[in-house]
Each structure stands twice: as C-alpha cells, then as structure tokens.
Amino acid sequence: VSDYAHTRLEDILFDNFKILSTKDING
C-alpha cells in the first residue's frame, strides 16, 4: 500500500464505516 493509498484507505474506513475489530497478523 502506497502512502496515498494508505491515506485514502483510512479516510474511507474511519469516515464512512464503524470499525468493529482490528487484528494484526504477520504484517
């Protein structure tokens, strides 16, 4: 994921959806 895509991903997820859970596995 590029820096721009990372920013866009966060904008979409955190502005329009409710985050129910987050899990980090192997990067």
PDB file of all heavy atoms in Angstrom:
ATOM      1  N   VAL A   1       0.844  -1.193   0.000  1.00  0.00           N
ATOM      2  CA  VAL A   1       0.000   0.000   0.000  1.00  0.00           C
ATOM      3  C   VAL A   1       0.882   1.247   0.000  1.00  0.00           C
ATOM      4  O   VAL A   1       1.729   1.422   0.876  1.00  0.00           O
ATOM      5  CB  VAL A   1      -0.938   0.000   1.235  1.00  0.00           C
ATOM      6  CG1 VAL A   1      -1.753   1.266   1.282  1.00  0.00           C
ATOM      7  CG2 VAL A   1      -1.846  -1.223   1.218  1.00  0.00           C
ATOM      8  N   SER A   2       0.668   2.116  -0.974  1.00  0.00           N
ATOM      9  CA  SER A   2       1.440   3.366  -1.054  1.00  0.00           C
ATOM     10  C   SER A   2       0.942   4.356   0.000  1.00  0.00           C
ATOM     11  O   SER A   2      -0.095   4.146   0.639  1.00  0.00           O
ATOM     12  CB  SER A   2       1.298   3.983  -2.440  1.00  0.00           C
ATOM     13  OG  SER A   2      -0.031   4.437  -2.635  1.00  0.00           O
ATOM     14  N   ASP A   3       1.675   5.446   0.173  1.00  0.00           N
ATOM     15  CA  ASP A   3       1.276   6.460   1.144  1.00  0.00           C
ATOM     16  C   ASP A   3      -0.081   7.071   0.801  1.00  0.00           C
ATOM     17  O   ASP A   3      -0.930   7.271   1.677  1.00  0.00           O
ATOM     18  CB  ASP A   3       2.328   7.570   1.227  1.00  0.00           C
ATOM     19  CG  ASP A   3       3.617   7.102   1.880  1.00  0.00           C
ATOM     20  OD1 ASP A   3       3.568   6.096   2.618  1.00  0.00           O
ATOM     21  OD2 ASP A   3       4.665   7.738   1.649  1.00  0.00           O
ATOM     22  N   TYR A   4      -0.281   7.367  -0.485  1.00  0.00           N
ATOM     23  CA  TYR A   4      -1.564   7.934  -0.895  1.00  0.00           C
ATOM     24  C   TYR A   4      -2.695   6.938  -0.644  1.00  0.00           C
ATOM     25  O   TYR A   4      -3.756   7.303  -0.129  1.00  0.00           O
ATOM     26  CB  TYR A   4      -1.540   8.336  -2.374  1.00  0.00           C
ATOM     27  CG  TYR A   4      -2.899   8.744  -2.873  1.00  0.00           C
ATOM     28  CD1 TYR A   4      -3.438   9.991  -2.546  1.00  0.00           C
ATOM     29  CD2 TYR A   4      -3.674   7.876  -3.641  1.00  0.00           C
ATOM     30  CE1 TYR A   4      -4.696  10.364  -2.976  1.00  0.00           C
ATOM     31  CE2 TYR A   4      -4.940   8.241  -4.076  1.00  0.00           C
ATOM     32  CZ  TYR A   4      -5.438   9.474  -3.740  1.00  0.00           C
ATOM     33  OH  TYR A   4      -6.695   9.844  -4.153  1.00  0.00           O
ATOM     34  N   ALA A   5      -2.470   5.674  -1.020  1.00  0.00           N
ATOM     35  CA  ALA A   5      -3.494   4.646  -0.825  1.00  0.00           C
ATOM     36  C   ALA A   5      -3.774   4.437   0.665  1.00  0.00           C
ATOM     37  O   ALA A   5      -4.918   4.211   1.060  1.00  0.00           O
ATOM     38  CB  ALA A   5      -3.067   3.345  -1.483  1.00  0.00           C
ATOM     39  N   HIS A   6      -2.728   4.524   1.482  1.00  0.00           N
ATOM     40  CA  HIS A   6      -2.900   4.383   2.927  1.00  0.00           C
ATOM     41  C   HIS A   6      -3.796   5.494   3.472  1.00  0.00           C
ATOM     42  O   HIS A   6      -4.718   5.234   4.256  1.00  0.00           O
ATOM     43  CB  HIS A   6      -1.528   4.414   3.604  1.00  0.00           C
ATOM     44  CG  HIS A   6      -1.573   4.214   5.075  1.00  0.00           C
ATOM     45  ND1 HIS A   6      -0.547   4.572   5.889  1.00  0.00           N
ATOM     46  CD2 HIS A   6      -2.513   3.705   5.896  1.00  0.00           C
ATOM     47  CE1 HIS A   6      -0.850   4.295   7.142  1.00  0.00           C
ATOM     48  NE2 HIS A   6      -2.046   3.767   7.159  1.00  0.00           N
ATOM     49  N   THR A   7      -3.564   6.718   3.031  1.00  0.00           N
ATOM     50  CA  THR A   7      -4.389   7.848   3.460  1.00  0.00           C
ATOM     51  C   THR A   7      -5.827   7.684   2.992  1.00  0.00           C
ATOM     52  O   THR A   7      -6.772   7.891   3.751  1.00  0.00           O
ATOM     53  CB  THR A   7      -3.816   9.168   2.909  1.00  0.00           C
ATOM     54  OG1 THR A   7      -2.460   9.285   3.330  1.00  0.00           O
ATOM     55  CG2 THR A   7      -4.603  10.357   3.392  1.00  0.00           C
ATOM     56  N   ARG A   8      -5.991   7.289   1.740  1.00  0.00           N
ATOM     57  CA  ARG A   8      -7.340   7.099   1.191  1.00  0.00           C
ATOM     58  C   ARG A   8      -8.062   5.959   1.912  1.00  0.00           C
ATOM     59  O   ARG A   8      -9.256   6.059   2.206  1.00  0.00           O
ATOM     60  CB  ARG A   8      -7.261   6.835  -0.315  1.00  0.00           C
ATOM     61  CG  ARG A   8      -8.593   6.791  -0.981  1.00  0.00           C
ATOM     62  CD  ARG A   8      -9.299   8.152  -0.893  1.00  0.00           C
ATOM     63  NE  ARG A   8     -10.674   7.997  -1.338  1.00  0.00           N
ATOM     64  CZ  ARG A   8     -11.720   8.499  -0.706  1.00  0.00           C
ATOM     65  NH1 ARG A   8     -11.564   9.219   0.376  1.00  0.00           N
ATOM     66  NH2 ARG A   8     -12.923   8.310  -1.163  1.00  0.00           N
ATOM     67  N   LEU A   9      -7.352   4.880   2.203  1.00  0.00           N
ATOM     68  CA  LEU A   9      -7.927   3.747   2.920  1.00  0.00           C
ATOM     69  C   LEU A   9      -8.443   4.184   4.289  1.00  0.00           C
ATOM     70  O   LEU A   9      -9.573   3.868   4.671  1.00  0.00           O
ATOM     71  CB  LEU A   9      -6.875   2.646   3.081  1.00  0.00           C
ATOM     72  CG  LEU A   9      -7.251   1.459   3.949  1.00  0.00           C
ATOM     73  CD1 LEU A   9      -8.319   0.618   3.285  1.00  0.00           C
ATOM     74  CD2 LEU A   9      -6.038   0.622   4.254  1.00  0.00           C
ATOM     75  N   GLU A  10      -7.633   4.926   5.022  1.00  0.00           N
ATOM     76  CA  GLU A  10      -8.055   5.401   6.338  1.00  0.00           C
ATOM     77  C   GLU A  10      -9.237   6.359   6.243  1.00  0.00           C
ATOM     78  O   GLU A  10     -10.149   6.309   7.070  1.00  0.00           O
ATOM     79  CB  GLU A  10      -6.892   6.053   7.068  1.00  0.00           C
ATOM     80  CG  GLU A  10      -5.875   5.051   7.562  1.00  0.00           C
ATOM     81  CD  GLU A  10      -4.760   5.682   8.376  1.00  0.00           C
ATOM     82  OE1 GLU A  10      -4.627   6.929   8.358  1.00  0.00           O
ATOM     83  OE2 GLU A  10      -4.038   4.924   9.024  1.00  0.00           O
ATOM     84  N   ASP A  11      -9.233   7.226   5.234  1.00  0.00           N
ATOM     85  CA  ASP A  11     -10.363   8.142   5.051  1.00  0.00           C
ATOM     86  C   ASP A  11     -11.658   7.370   4.813  1.00  0.00           C
ATOM     87  O   ASP A  11     -12.696   7.685   5.404  1.00  0.00           O
ATOM     88  CB  ASP A  11     -10.114   9.094   3.875  1.00  0.00           C
ATOM     89  CG  ASP A  11      -9.060  10.137   4.182  1.00  0.00           C
ATOM     90  OD1 ASP A  11      -8.726  10.319   5.373  1.00  0.00           O
ATOM     91  OD2 ASP A  11      -8.571  10.769   3.231  1.00  0.00           O
ATOM     92  N   ILE A  12     -11.605   6.372   3.956  1.00  0.00           N
ATOM     93  CA  ILE A  12     -12.801   5.584   3.659  1.00  0.00           C
ATOM     94  C   ILE A  12     -13.261   4.827   4.901  1.00  0.00           C
ATOM     95  O   ILE A  12     -14.436   4.870   5.271  1.00  0.00           O
ATOM     96  CB  ILE A  12     -12.533   4.603   2.497  1.00  0.00           C
ATOM     97  CG1 ILE A  12     -12.342   5.368   1.190  1.00  0.00           C
ATOM     98  CG2 ILE A  12     -13.675   3.603   2.354  1.00  0.00           C
ATOM     99  CD1 ILE A  12     -11.870   4.513   0.038  1.00  0.00           C
ATOM    100  N   LEU A  13     -12.347   4.120   5.539  1.00  0.00           N
ATOM    101  CA  LEU A  13     -12.730   3.280   6.670  1.00  0.00           C
ATOM    102  C   LEU A  13     -13.244   4.089   7.854  1.00  0.00           C
ATOM    103  O   LEU A  13     -14.308   3.809   8.399  1.00  0.00           O
ATOM    104  CB  LEU A  13     -11.556   2.410   7.118  1.00  0.00           C
ATOM    105  CG  LEU A  13     -11.121   1.301   6.169  1.00  0.00           C
ATOM    106  CD1 LEU A  13      -9.989   0.496   6.785  1.00  0.00           C
ATOM    107  CD2 LEU A  13     -12.273   0.391   5.808  1.00  0.00           C
ATOM    108  N   PHE A  14     -12.485   5.087   8.279  1.00  0.00           N
ATOM    109  CA  PHE A  14     -12.818   5.781   9.515  1.00  0.00           C
ATOM    110  C   PHE A  14     -13.906   6.832   9.363  1.00  0.00           C
ATOM    111  O   PHE A  14     -14.558   7.193  10.344  1.00  0.00           O
ATOM    112  CB  PHE A  14     -11.555   6.387  10.131  1.00  0.00           C
ATOM    113  CG  PHE A  14     -10.573   5.336  10.575  1.00  0.00           C
ATOM    114  CD1 PHE A  14      -9.390   5.145   9.897  1.00  0.00           C
ATOM    115  CD2 PHE A  14     -10.851   4.510  11.648  1.00  0.00           C
ATOM    116  CE1 PHE A  14      -8.484   4.169  10.285  1.00  0.00           C
ATOM    117  CE2 PHE A  14      -9.968   3.531  12.057  1.00  0.00           C
ATOM    118  CZ  PHE A  14      -8.777   3.361  11.374  1.00  0.00           C
ATOM    119  N   ASP A  15     -14.138   7.323   8.151  1.00  0.00           N
ATOM    120  CA  ASP A  15     -15.182   8.326   7.948  1.00  0.00           C
ATOM    121  C   ASP A  15     -16.541   7.713   7.620  1.00  0.00           C
ATOM    122  O   ASP A  15     -17.564   8.322   7.901  1.00  0.00           O
ATOM    123  CB  ASP A  15     -14.796   9.294   6.826  1.00  0.00           C
ATOM    124  CG  ASP A  15     -13.614  10.171   7.196  1.00  0.00           C
ATOM    125  OD1 ASP A  15     -13.272  10.239   8.390  1.00  0.00           O
ATOM    126  OD2 ASP A  15     -13.029  10.775   6.275  1.00  0.00           O
ATOM    127  N   ASN A  16     -16.563   6.538   7.015  1.00  0.00           N
ATOM    128  CA  ASN A  16     -17.816   6.002   6.486  1.00  0.00           C
ATOM    129  C   ASN A  16     -18.250   4.679   7.098  1.00  0.00           C
ATOM    130  O   ASN A  16     -19.372   4.234   6.858  1.00  0.00           O
ATOM    131  CB  ASN A  16     -17.689   5.816   4.970  1.00  0.00           C
ATOM    132  CG  ASN A  16     -17.389   7.118   4.281  1.00  0.00           C
ATOM    133  OD1 ASN A  16     -18.243   7.984   4.201  1.00  0.00           O
ATOM    134  ND2 ASN A  16     -16.164   7.284   3.815  1.00  0.00           N
ATOM    135  N   PHE A  17     -17.393   4.044   7.848  1.00  0.00           N
ATOM    136  CA  PHE A  17     -17.708   2.746   8.431  1.00  0.00           C
ATOM    137  C   PHE A  17     -17.396   2.750   9.920  1.00  0.00           C
ATOM    138  O   PHE A  17     -16.572   3.528  10.392  1.00  0.00           O
ATOM    139  CB  PHE A  17     -16.883   1.635   7.752  1.00  0.00           C
ATOM    140  CG  PHE A  17     -17.230   1.421   6.315  1.00  0.00           C
ATOM    141  CD1 PHE A  17     -16.533   2.074   5.309  1.00  0.00           C
ATOM    142  CD2 PHE A  17     -18.250   0.554   5.953  1.00  0.00           C
ATOM    143  CE1 PHE A  17     -16.852   1.884   3.976  1.00  0.00           C
ATOM    144  CE2 PHE A  17     -18.572   0.361   4.619  1.00  0.00           C
ATOM    145  CZ  PHE A  17     -17.871   1.019   3.629  1.00  0.00           C
ATOM    146  N   LYS A  18     -18.052   1.871  10.624  1.00  0.00           N
ATOM    147  CA  LYS A  18     -17.744   1.656  12.033  1.00  0.00           C
ATOM    148  C   LYS A  18     -16.763   0.493  12.092  1.00  0.00           C
ATOM    149  O   LYS A  18     -17.013  -0.565  11.526  1.00  0.00           O
ATOM    150  CB  LYS A  18     -19.020   1.322  12.803  1.00  0.00           C
ATOM    151  CG  LYS A  18     -18.801   1.049  14.258  1.00  0.00           C
ATOM    152  CD  LYS A  18     -20.110   0.713  14.949  1.00  0.00           C
ATOM    153  CE  LYS A  18     -19.851   0.403  16.404  1.00  0.00           C
ATOM    154  NZ  LYS A  18     -21.098  -0.014  17.073  1.00  0.00           N
ATOM    155  N   ILE A  19     -15.635   0.684  12.775  1.00  0.00           N
ATOM    156  CA  ILE A  19     -14.635  -0.376  12.909  1.00  0.00           C
ATOM    157  C   ILE A  19     -15.067  -1.277  14.069  1.00  0.00           C
ATOM    158  O   ILE A  19     -15.118  -0.838  15.223  1.00  0.00           O
ATOM    159  CB  ILE A  19     -13.231   0.203  13.182  1.00  0.00           C
ATOM    160  CG1 ILE A  19     -12.850   1.243  12.125  1.00  0.00           C
ATOM    161  CG2 ILE A  19     -12.193  -0.913  13.263  1.00  0.00           C
ATOM    162  CD1 ILE A  19     -12.720   0.730  10.728  1.00  0.00           C
ATOM    163  N   LEU A  20     -15.393  -2.529  13.768  1.00  0.00           N
ATOM    164  CA  LEU A  20     -15.837  -3.462  14.801  1.00  0.00           C
ATOM    165  C   LEU A  20     -14.664  -4.143  15.491  1.00  0.00           C
ATOM    166  O   LEU A  20     -14.700  -4.379  16.695  1.00  0.00           O
ATOM    167  CB  LEU A  20     -16.769  -4.509  14.196  1.00  0.00           C
ATOM    168  CG  LEU A  20     -18.031  -3.966  13.522  1.00  0.00           C
ATOM    169  CD1 LEU A  20     -18.797  -5.088  12.856  1.00  0.00           C
ATOM    170  CD2 LEU A  20     -18.891  -3.240  14.536  1.00  0.00           C
ATOM    171  N   SER A  21     -13.639  -4.472  14.718  1.00  0.00           N
ATOM    172  CA  SER A  21     -12.449  -5.083  15.299  1.00  0.00           C
ATOM    173  C   SER A  21     -11.265  -4.901  14.364  1.00  0.00           C
ATOM    174  O   SER A  21     -11.422  -4.691  13.168  1.00  0.00           O
ATOM    175  CB  SER A  21     -12.666  -6.571  15.585  1.00  0.00           C
ATOM    176  OG  SER A  21     -12.789  -7.304  14.388  1.00  0.00           O
ATOM    177  N   THR A  22     -10.084  -4.994  14.949  1.00  0.00           N
ATOM    178  CA  THR A  22      -8.831  -4.885  14.209  1.00  0.00           C
ATOM    179  C   THR A  22      -7.908  -5.975  14.706  1.00  0.00           C
ATOM    180  O   THR A  22      -7.783  -6.179  15.910  1.00  0.00           O
ATOM    181  CB  THR A  22      -8.163  -3.518  14.447  1.00  0.00           C
ATOM    182  OG1 THR A  22      -9.098  -2.491  14.100  1.00  0.00           O
ATOM    183  CG2 THR A  22      -6.927  -3.345  13.605  1.00  0.00           C
ATOM    184  N   LYS A  23      -7.276  -6.681  13.769  1.00  0.00           N
ATOM    185  CA  LYS A  23      -6.351  -7.743  14.139  1.00  0.00           C
ATOM    186  C   LYS A  23      -5.112  -7.636  13.261  1.00  0.00           C
ATOM    187  O   LYS A  23      -5.215  -7.551  12.038  1.00  0.00           O
ATOM    188  CB  LYS A  23      -7.014  -9.101  13.936  1.00  0.00           C
ATOM    189  CG  LYS A  23      -6.240 -10.272  14.485  1.00  0.00           C
ATOM    190  CD  LYS A  23      -6.902 -11.610  14.168  1.00  0.00           C
ATOM    191  CE  LYS A  23      -8.253 -11.704  14.817  1.00  0.00           C
ATOM    192  NZ  LYS A  23      -8.893 -13.013  14.621  1.00  0.00           N
ATOM    193  N   ASP A  24      -3.921  -7.615  13.875  1.00  0.00           N
ATOM    194  CA  ASP A  24      -2.655  -7.558  13.147  1.00  0.00           C
ATOM    195  C   ASP A  24      -2.025  -8.946  13.136  1.00  0.00           C
ATOM    196  O   ASP A  24      -1.796  -9.534  14.194  1.00  0.00           O
ATOM    197  CB  ASP A  24      -1.691  -6.568  13.808  1.00  0.00           C
ATOM    198  CG  ASP A  24      -2.178  -5.141  13.678  1.00  0.00           C
ATOM    199  OD1 ASP A  24      -2.611  -4.776  12.570  1.00  0.00           O
ATOM    200  OD2 ASP A  24      -2.136  -4.401  14.679  1.00  0.00           O
ATOM    201  N   ILE A  25      -1.736  -9.445  11.924  1.00  0.00           N
ATOM    202  CA  ILE A  25      -1.127 -10.762  11.760  1.00  0.00           C
ATOM    203  C   ILE A  25      -0.077 -10.692  10.664  1.00  0.00           C
ATOM    204  O   ILE A  25      -0.408 -10.416   9.505  1.00  0.00           O
ATOM    205  CB  ILE A  25      -2.177 -11.832  11.385  1.00  0.00           C
ATOM    206  CG1 ILE A  25      -3.269 -11.920  12.444  1.00  0.00           C
ATOM    207  CG2 ILE A  25      -1.524 -13.186  11.174  1.00  0.00           C
ATOM    208  CD1 ILE A  25      -4.416 -12.829  12.070  1.00  0.00           C
ATOM    209  N   ASN A  26       1.191 -10.932  11.006  1.00  0.00           N
ATOM    210  CA  ASN A  26       2.286 -11.028  10.027  1.00  0.00           C
ATOM    211  C   ASN A  26       2.315  -9.888   9.011  1.00  0.00           C
ATOM    212  O   ASN A  26       2.359 -10.118   7.802  1.00  0.00           O
ATOM    213  CB  ASN A  26       2.210 -12.365   9.285  1.00  0.00           C
ATOM    214  CG  ASN A  26       2.378 -13.538  10.198  1.00  0.00           C
ATOM    215  OD1 ASN A  26       3.042 -13.454  11.228  1.00  0.00           O
ATOM    216  ND2 ASN A  26       1.770 -14.666   9.839  1.00  0.00           N
ATOM    217  N   GLY A  27       2.282  -8.662   9.463  1.00  0.00           N
ATOM    218  CA  GLY A  27       2.364  -7.520   8.555  1.00  0.00           C
ATOM    219  C   GLY A  27       1.075  -7.202   7.839  1.00  0.00           C
ATOM    220  O   GLY A  27       1.042  -6.357   6.951  1.00  0.00           O
TER     221      GLY A  27
END
